[in-house]
């Protein structure tokens, strides 16, 4: 009989994409896949290979306001009741969570019902929601080594890597081609699945400071929030820069593969995809994060020599204009960084994680 897995992930690309990769691999192995997530997943839900998508109530813990904390607790409690009902109905062999507070209700419900569970931590630092859940799960999978974990967490650890989607693996077959001297330079800019206002504010004035001959070579693909698109595109048009702006690109892996240089945040999925695709990047970790997880992620590629992290506070228009000019005039530097980025890739991560899912399910099946 086909085994069933309930995947659960927060409704952003950074959480859903690894879950999607695992779903595709498990389906190839004959599993039935169901997904529990929040309402933000509508953008990705149609592409997610699940038999059914269950929208579960959830909330993120923000600040210390007693009223807001109480409201969050009630929402998570209601979500846990919802998730418990789903698990009781489905009777999945395994529940696998991919981070974010929307995973809390299904993962905690798995613990309440005695259902085997796997927690995947994509970042170089374990997030707060995952730390709360880790004690009650059967196994913990990580993308990279994580320091300072309690002994009881370490006993459950398996380093699998961060799964990337089939589309990324397909695009990775395209080798990096360094820009030709004086030729077209493809620059891709994105801020994670939700876009980033920072890049929409930064890029236009930075390009205004470039010499005309440098600017004429640029071909830009940029992810913008819908409310920012018109003003960003207007600046590019006035500068004579060929640019394509959109709130979301369904074919992002192909876009990354076609880029000579990528400028983006350093979320775990972005870093994993950049390494598997082997593309050089300027990484701008999201500032203000309590766990500083994006800074930890960026260090992985920086240490390998495949990326140049720059703190947001240090990246002003003049600095970015200098960096773009430097890289456009040094194609050999970009080619070397592309190779080094690929050197830390884990293209087999999805198979390793699927193996862990099957191992946990098999152990459960052996119980009397």
Protein backbone atom coordinates (compact mmCIF):
# COMPACT_ATOMS: atom_id res chain seq x y z
CA UNK A 1 0.00 0.00 0.00
CA UNK A 2 1.09 3.57 -0.71
CA UNK A 3 2.43 5.38 2.31
CA UNK A 4 1.22 8.90 3.12
CA UNK A 5 3.26 11.90 4.20
CA UNK A 6 1.83 15.17 5.48
CA UNK A 7 4.22 17.99 4.62
CA UNK A 8 3.89 21.28 6.43
CA UNK A 9 5.57 24.56 5.57
CA UNK A 10 5.09 28.30 5.99
CA UNK A 11 3.49 29.96 2.97
CA UNK A 12 6.63 31.50 1.46
CA UNK A 13 8.93 30.15 -1.23
CA UNK A 14 11.78 29.67 1.23
CA UNK A 15 9.73 27.12 3.16
CA UNK A 16 7.56 25.71 0.37
CA UNK A 17 10.22 25.10 -2.29
CA UNK A 18 12.18 22.49 -0.27
CA UNK A 19 8.87 20.86 0.67
CA UNK A 20 7.89 20.83 -3.01
CA UNK A 21 11.18 19.15 -3.90
CA UNK A 22 10.60 16.44 -1.30
CA UNK A 23 7.00 15.99 -2.45
CA UNK A 24 8.11 15.34 -6.05
CA UNK A 25 10.75 12.82 -4.94
CA UNK A 26 8.38 10.93 -2.63
CA UNK A 27 5.70 10.77 -5.34
CA UNK A 28 8.30 9.19 -7.64
CA UNK A 29 8.81 6.62 -4.88
CA UNK A 30 5.09 5.84 -4.72
CA UNK A 31 4.07 7.97 -1.74
CA UNK A 32 0.87 9.97 -1.38
CA UNK A 33 1.59 13.59 -0.44
CA UNK A 34 -0.63 16.07 1.41
CA UNK A 35 0.30 19.63 2.40
CA UNK A 36 -0.62 21.71 5.46
CA UNK A 37 0.22 25.40 5.18
CA UNK A 38 -1.24 28.89 5.61
CA UNK A 39 -3.26 31.13 3.33
CA UNK A 40 -0.14 32.79 1.82
CA UNK A 41 0.57 29.62 -0.15
CA UNK A 42 -2.07 30.41 -2.80
CA UNK A 43 0.65 31.80 -5.07
CA UNK A 44 2.45 28.45 -5.04
CA UNK A 45 -0.32 26.00 -4.23
CA UNK A 46 -1.30 25.21 -7.81
CA UNK A 47 2.25 24.10 -8.53
CA UNK A 48 2.61 22.03 -5.36
CA UNK A 49 2.29 18.31 -6.12
CA UNK A 50 -0.02 17.43 -3.24
CA UNK A 51 -3.22 15.42 -3.38
CA UNK A 52 -4.79 18.08 -1.18
CA UNK A 53 -3.70 21.36 0.43
CA UNK A 54 -4.99 21.95 3.96
CA UNK A 55 -5.05 25.60 5.10
CA UNK A 56 -4.29 25.66 8.83
CA UNK A 57 -4.73 28.66 11.13
CA UNK A 58 -1.44 30.01 12.47
CA UNK A 59 0.28 33.16 13.67
CA UNK A 60 3.82 34.38 14.17
CA UNK A 61 5.02 35.46 17.62
CA UNK A 62 5.89 39.17 17.39
CA UNK A 63 7.06 41.33 20.28
CA UNK A 64 6.03 41.04 23.90
CA UNK A 65 2.67 42.77 23.98
CA UNK A 66 0.52 40.58 26.28
CA UNK A 67 -2.64 41.12 24.21
CA UNK A 68 -0.89 40.15 20.95
CA UNK A 69 0.80 37.17 22.59
CA UNK A 70 -2.56 35.95 23.89
CA UNK A 71 -4.10 36.41 20.43
CA UNK A 72 -1.23 34.45 18.87
CA UNK A 73 -1.59 31.65 21.42
CA UNK A 74 -5.31 31.32 20.65
CA UNK A 75 -4.63 31.20 16.90
CA UNK A 76 -1.96 28.53 17.31
CA UNK A 77 -4.24 26.53 19.61
CA UNK A 78 -7.07 26.62 17.05
CA UNK A 79 -4.61 25.66 14.34
CA UNK A 80 -3.43 22.71 16.41
CA UNK A 81 -7.03 21.50 16.79
CA UNK A 82 -7.48 21.81 13.00
CA UNK A 83 -4.24 19.98 12.31
CA UNK A 84 -5.06 17.24 14.82
CA UNK A 85 -8.34 16.63 13.00
CA UNK A 86 -6.50 16.41 9.65
CA UNK A 87 -3.94 13.95 11.05
CA UNK A 88 -6.64 11.81 12.67
CA UNK A 89 -8.41 11.64 9.30
CA UNK A 90 -5.35 11.03 7.09
CA UNK A 91 -3.38 8.80 9.47
CA UNK A 92 -0.10 9.76 7.74
CA UNK A 93 2.94 7.53 8.18
CA UNK A 94 5.13 10.63 8.71
CA UNK A 95 4.69 14.38 9.17
CA UNK A 96 7.57 16.50 7.84
CA UNK A 97 7.92 20.19 8.71
CA UNK A 98 9.95 22.85 6.91
CA UNK A 99 9.97 25.76 9.32
CA UNK A 100 8.04 28.90 10.11
CA UNK A 101 5.29 29.30 12.71
CA UNK A 102 2.63 27.86 10.33
CA UNK A 103 4.36 24.49 10.84
CA UNK A 104 3.82 24.67 14.59
CA UNK A 105 0.18 23.44 14.70
CA UNK A 106 0.68 20.38 12.41
CA UNK A 107 4.00 19.41 14.00
CA UNK A 108 2.66 19.75 17.53
CA UNK A 109 -0.48 17.85 16.52
CA UNK A 110 1.78 15.06 15.23
CA UNK A 111 3.36 14.88 18.68
CA UNK A 112 -0.05 14.79 20.38
CA UNK A 113 -1.23 11.95 18.13
CA UNK A 114 2.01 9.95 18.35
CA UNK A 115 2.69 10.33 14.63
CA UNK A 116 6.38 10.07 13.60
CA UNK A 117 7.74 13.43 12.51
CA UNK A 118 10.76 15.00 10.85
CA UNK A 119 11.81 18.61 11.21
CA UNK A 120 13.94 20.14 8.45
CA UNK A 121 16.05 23.20 9.30
CA UNK A 122 17.19 24.95 6.12
CA UNK A 123 19.24 27.71 7.73
CA UNK A 124 22.64 27.78 9.39
CA UNK A 125 20.90 28.77 12.65
CA UNK A 126 17.89 26.90 14.02
CA UNK A 127 14.85 29.19 14.07
CA UNK A 128 12.74 29.84 17.14
CA UNK A 129 9.72 27.86 15.90
CA UNK A 130 11.90 24.86 15.09
CA UNK A 131 13.62 25.05 18.49
CA UNK A 132 10.22 24.88 20.14
CA UNK A 133 9.28 21.83 18.07
CA UNK A 134 12.58 19.95 17.95
CA UNK A 135 12.27 18.25 21.32
CA UNK A 136 9.11 16.39 20.29
CA UNK A 137 10.09 15.19 16.81
CA UNK A 138 11.44 11.81 15.76
CA UNK A 139 14.29 13.14 13.59
CA UNK A 140 15.90 16.46 12.64
CA UNK A 141 17.37 17.12 9.20
CA UNK A 142 19.71 20.05 8.58
CA UNK A 143 21.09 21.71 5.47
CA UNK A 144 24.47 22.59 6.97
CA UNK A 145 26.20 21.90 10.31
CA UNK A 146 24.55 23.86 13.14
CA UNK A 147 26.51 24.76 16.24
CA UNK A 148 25.35 25.09 19.84
CA UNK A 149 22.47 22.61 19.74
CA UNK A 150 21.44 20.71 22.89
CA UNK A 151 22.67 17.11 23.16
CA UNK A 152 19.14 15.69 22.78
CA UNK A 153 18.77 17.57 19.47
CA UNK A 154 22.15 16.38 18.19
CA UNK A 155 21.19 12.76 18.81
CA UNK A 156 18.39 13.13 16.25
CA UNK A 157 20.41 15.00 13.60
CA UNK A 158 21.02 13.98 10.01
CA UNK A 159 22.69 16.47 7.66
CA UNK A 160 20.82 16.05 4.39
CA UNK A 161 21.36 19.40 2.71
CA UNK A 162 18.50 21.64 1.55
CA UNK A 163 16.34 20.07 -1.20
CA UNK A 164 15.97 22.04 -4.43
CA UNK A 165 13.13 21.69 -6.91
CA UNK A 166 13.29 19.62 -10.09
CA UNK A 167 13.30 22.87 -12.08
CA UNK A 168 16.53 23.91 -10.35
CA UNK A 169 18.21 20.58 -11.08
CA UNK A 170 17.16 20.87 -14.73
CA UNK A 171 18.46 24.46 -15.01
CA UNK A 172 21.75 23.39 -13.37
CA UNK A 173 22.62 21.52 -16.57
CA UNK A 174 23.29 24.92 -18.19
CA UNK A 175 26.98 25.74 -17.55
CA UNK A 176 28.00 29.23 -16.45
CA UNK A 177 29.09 31.40 -19.35
CA UNK A 178 31.11 34.44 -18.26
CA UNK A 179 30.17 37.77 -19.91
CA UNK A 180 32.19 38.80 -22.94
CA UNK A 181 34.24 42.00 -22.79
CA UNK A 182 31.98 44.81 -23.95
CA UNK A 183 29.05 42.41 -24.35
CA UNK A 184 25.65 42.05 -22.72
CA UNK A 185 25.66 41.63 -18.94
CA UNK A 186 22.66 39.82 -17.41
CA UNK A 187 21.90 41.06 -13.90
CA UNK A 188 19.19 39.36 -11.82
CA UNK A 189 17.84 41.05 -8.68
CA UNK A 190 15.37 39.52 -6.26
CA UNK A 191 14.54 39.76 -2.59
CA UNK A 192 13.09 36.39 -1.79
CA UNK A 193 9.62 35.14 -2.60
CA UNK A 194 7.95 38.27 -1.22
CA UNK A 195 10.21 40.74 -3.04
CA UNK A 196 12.24 43.46 -1.35
CA UNK A 197 11.49 47.18 -1.22
CA UNK A 198 15.15 47.75 -0.43
CA UNK A 199 16.30 46.65 -3.89
CA UNK A 200 13.63 48.75 -5.59
CA UNK A 201 14.95 51.77 -3.71
CA UNK A 202 18.61 50.90 -4.26
CA UNK A 203 18.97 49.81 -7.89
CA UNK A 204 17.57 52.83 -9.79
CA UNK A 205 19.85 55.46 -8.15
CA UNK A 206 22.79 53.05 -8.37
CA UNK A 207 22.33 52.64 -12.13
CA UNK A 208 22.08 56.40 -12.55
CA UNK A 209 25.65 56.62 -11.25
CA UNK A 210 27.05 54.13 -13.77
CA UNK A 211 28.98 55.35 -16.84
CA UNK A 212 26.79 55.33 -19.96
CA UNK A 213 28.87 52.60 -21.66
CA UNK A 214 28.50 50.29 -18.65
CA UNK A 215 24.78 50.99 -18.36
CA UNK A 216 24.22 50.22 -22.04
CA UNK A 217 25.47 46.66 -21.54
CA UNK A 218 23.03 45.80 -18.76
CA UNK A 219 20.02 43.53 -19.15
CA UNK A 220 18.13 43.51 -15.85
CA UNK A 221 15.54 41.11 -14.51
CA UNK A 222 14.20 42.37 -11.18
CA UNK A 223 11.58 41.15 -8.77
CA UNK A 224 9.59 44.11 -7.42
CA UNK A 225 6.59 44.51 -5.21
CA UNK A 226 3.51 45.41 -7.29
CA UNK A 227 3.36 48.91 -5.80
CA UNK A 228 7.01 49.56 -6.74
CA UNK A 229 7.02 48.27 -10.30
CA UNK A 230 5.86 51.38 -12.14
CA UNK A 231 8.39 53.75 -10.55
CA UNK A 232 11.30 51.32 -10.93
CA UNK A 233 10.50 50.57 -14.56
CA UNK A 234 10.11 54.30 -15.28
CA UNK A 235 13.68 54.99 -14.08
CA UNK A 236 15.09 52.15 -16.16
CA UNK A 237 13.22 53.38 -19.24
CA UNK A 238 14.52 56.92 -18.73
CA UNK A 239 18.08 55.58 -18.49
CA UNK A 240 17.69 53.45 -21.58
CA UNK A 241 18.32 50.27 -19.58
CA UNK A 242 16.62 47.13 -20.86
CA UNK A 243 14.75 45.71 -17.87
CA UNK A 244 11.99 43.26 -17.04
CA UNK A 245 10.26 43.80 -13.71
CA UNK A 246 7.62 41.53 -12.16
CA UNK A 247 6.31 40.68 -8.68
CA UNK A 248 7.08 36.99 -9.17
CA UNK A 249 8.82 34.85 -11.78
CA UNK A 250 7.50 31.30 -12.13
CA UNK A 251 10.68 30.34 -14.01
CA UNK A 252 13.14 31.74 -11.45
CA UNK A 253 15.59 28.78 -11.69
CA UNK A 254 15.98 29.44 -15.43
CA UNK A 255 16.39 33.16 -14.75
CA UNK A 256 19.18 32.46 -12.25
CA UNK A 257 20.87 30.12 -14.72
CA UNK A 258 20.87 32.86 -17.38
CA UNK A 259 22.36 35.49 -15.05
CA UNK A 260 25.97 36.62 -15.07
CA UNK A 261 25.52 38.05 -11.58
CA UNK A 262 22.74 37.74 -9.00
CA UNK A 263 21.92 40.29 -6.30
CA UNK A 264 19.57 38.91 -3.67
CA UNK A 265 18.80 38.16 -0.03
CA UNK A 266 20.46 35.11 1.50
CA UNK A 267 17.51 32.98 2.45
CA UNK A 268 18.30 29.28 2.70
CA UNK A 269 16.53 28.33 -0.55
CA UNK A 270 18.23 31.13 -2.48
CA UNK A 271 21.67 30.11 -1.23
CA UNK A 272 21.02 26.44 -1.99
CA UNK A 273 19.78 27.21 -5.50
CA UNK A 274 22.72 29.52 -6.22
CA UNK A 275 25.13 26.74 -5.24
CA UNK A 276 23.40 24.00 -7.24
CA UNK A 277 23.15 26.30 -10.26
CA UNK A 278 26.68 27.60 -9.72
CA UNK A 279 26.06 31.33 -10.09
CA UNK A 280 28.05 34.21 -8.49
CA UNK A 281 26.15 36.57 -6.25
CA UNK A 282 26.13 39.66 -4.10
CA UNK A 283 24.21 38.58 -1.00
CA UNK A 284 22.44 41.10 1.23
CA UNK A 285 21.26 39.34 4.41
CA UNK A 286 17.94 40.53 5.77
CA UNK A 287 18.83 42.89 8.64
CA UNK A 288 17.23 42.87 12.05
CA UNK A 289 16.52 39.15 12.22
CA UNK A 290 16.80 37.90 15.80
CA UNK A 291 18.50 34.67 14.75
CA UNK A 292 20.66 36.28 12.02
CA UNK A 293 19.96 33.18 9.95
CA UNK A 294 20.51 34.87 6.58
CA UNK A 295 23.93 36.13 7.67
CA UNK A 296 24.85 32.55 8.61
CA UNK A 297 23.60 31.28 5.24
CA UNK A 298 25.64 33.89 3.35
CA UNK A 299 28.82 32.81 5.12
CA UNK A 300 28.56 29.34 3.58
CA UNK A 301 28.94 30.72 0.04
CA UNK A 302 31.37 33.44 1.13
CA UNK A 303 33.67 30.86 2.73
CA UNK A 304 33.63 28.85 -0.49
CA UNK A 305 34.45 31.95 -2.54
CA UNK A 306 31.19 31.85 -4.47
CA UNK A 307 29.53 35.02 -3.18
CA UNK A 308 30.20 38.49 -1.78
CA UNK A 309 27.95 39.27 1.22
CA UNK A 310 27.39 42.97 1.95
CA UNK A 311 25.41 44.21 4.94
CA UNK A 312 22.38 46.25 3.95
CA UNK A 313 23.63 49.23 5.96
CA UNK A 314 26.82 49.20 3.88
CA UNK A 315 25.16 48.91 0.49
CA UNK A 316 24.30 52.40 -0.76
CA UNK A 317 23.89 53.43 -4.44
CA UNK A 318 27.50 54.57 -4.91
CA UNK A 319 28.83 51.32 -3.44
CA UNK A 320 26.58 49.17 -5.61
CA UNK A 321 27.53 51.11 -8.74
CA UNK A 322 31.20 50.44 -7.93
CA UNK A 323 30.55 46.73 -7.35
CA UNK A 324 28.59 46.31 -10.59
CA UNK A 325 31.32 48.08 -12.56
CA UNK A 326 34.02 45.96 -10.90
CA UNK A 327 32.34 42.69 -11.76
CA UNK A 328 31.40 43.70 -15.29
CA UNK A 329 35.08 44.43 -15.92
CA UNK A 330 36.28 41.17 -14.34
CA UNK A 331 34.51 38.25 -16.06
CA UNK A 332 37.24 35.85 -14.93
CA UNK A 333 36.41 36.67 -11.28
CA UNK A 334 32.76 35.82 -11.91
CA UNK A 335 33.63 32.56 -13.64
CA UNK A 336 35.82 31.47 -10.74
CA UNK A 337 33.10 32.37 -8.21
CA UNK A 338 30.57 30.35 -10.21
CA UNK A 339 32.76 27.26 -9.92
CA UNK A 340 33.32 27.78 -6.21
CA UNK A 341 29.62 28.26 -5.56
CA UNK A 342 28.92 24.92 -7.23
CA UNK A 343 31.62 23.25 -5.12
CA UNK A 344 29.40 23.42 -2.01
CA UNK A 345 26.22 22.31 -3.79
CA UNK A 346 24.15 19.38 -2.46
CA UNK A 347 22.10 18.34 -5.51
CA UNK A 348 21.38 14.98 -3.84
CA UNK A 349 19.78 16.63 -0.78
CA UNK A 350 16.23 15.69 -1.79
CA UNK A 351 17.14 12.01 -2.12
CA UNK A 352 18.90 12.06 1.24
CA UNK A 353 15.87 13.66 2.92
CA UNK A 354 13.48 11.21 1.21
CA UNK A 355 15.66 8.35 2.48
CA UNK A 356 15.30 9.74 6.00
CA UNK A 357 11.49 9.94 5.62
CA UNK A 358 11.38 6.30 4.55
CA UNK A 359 13.72 5.28 7.38
CA UNK A 360 11.49 6.94 9.99
CA UNK A 361 8.37 5.37 8.43
CA UNK A 362 10.03 1.93 8.39
CA UNK A 363 10.96 2.18 12.07
CA UNK A 364 7.37 3.09 12.89
CA UNK A 365 6.16 0.09 10.90
CA UNK A 366 8.43 -2.21 12.90
CA UNK A 367 6.80 -1.27 16.19
CA UNK A 368 4.48 -3.90 17.70
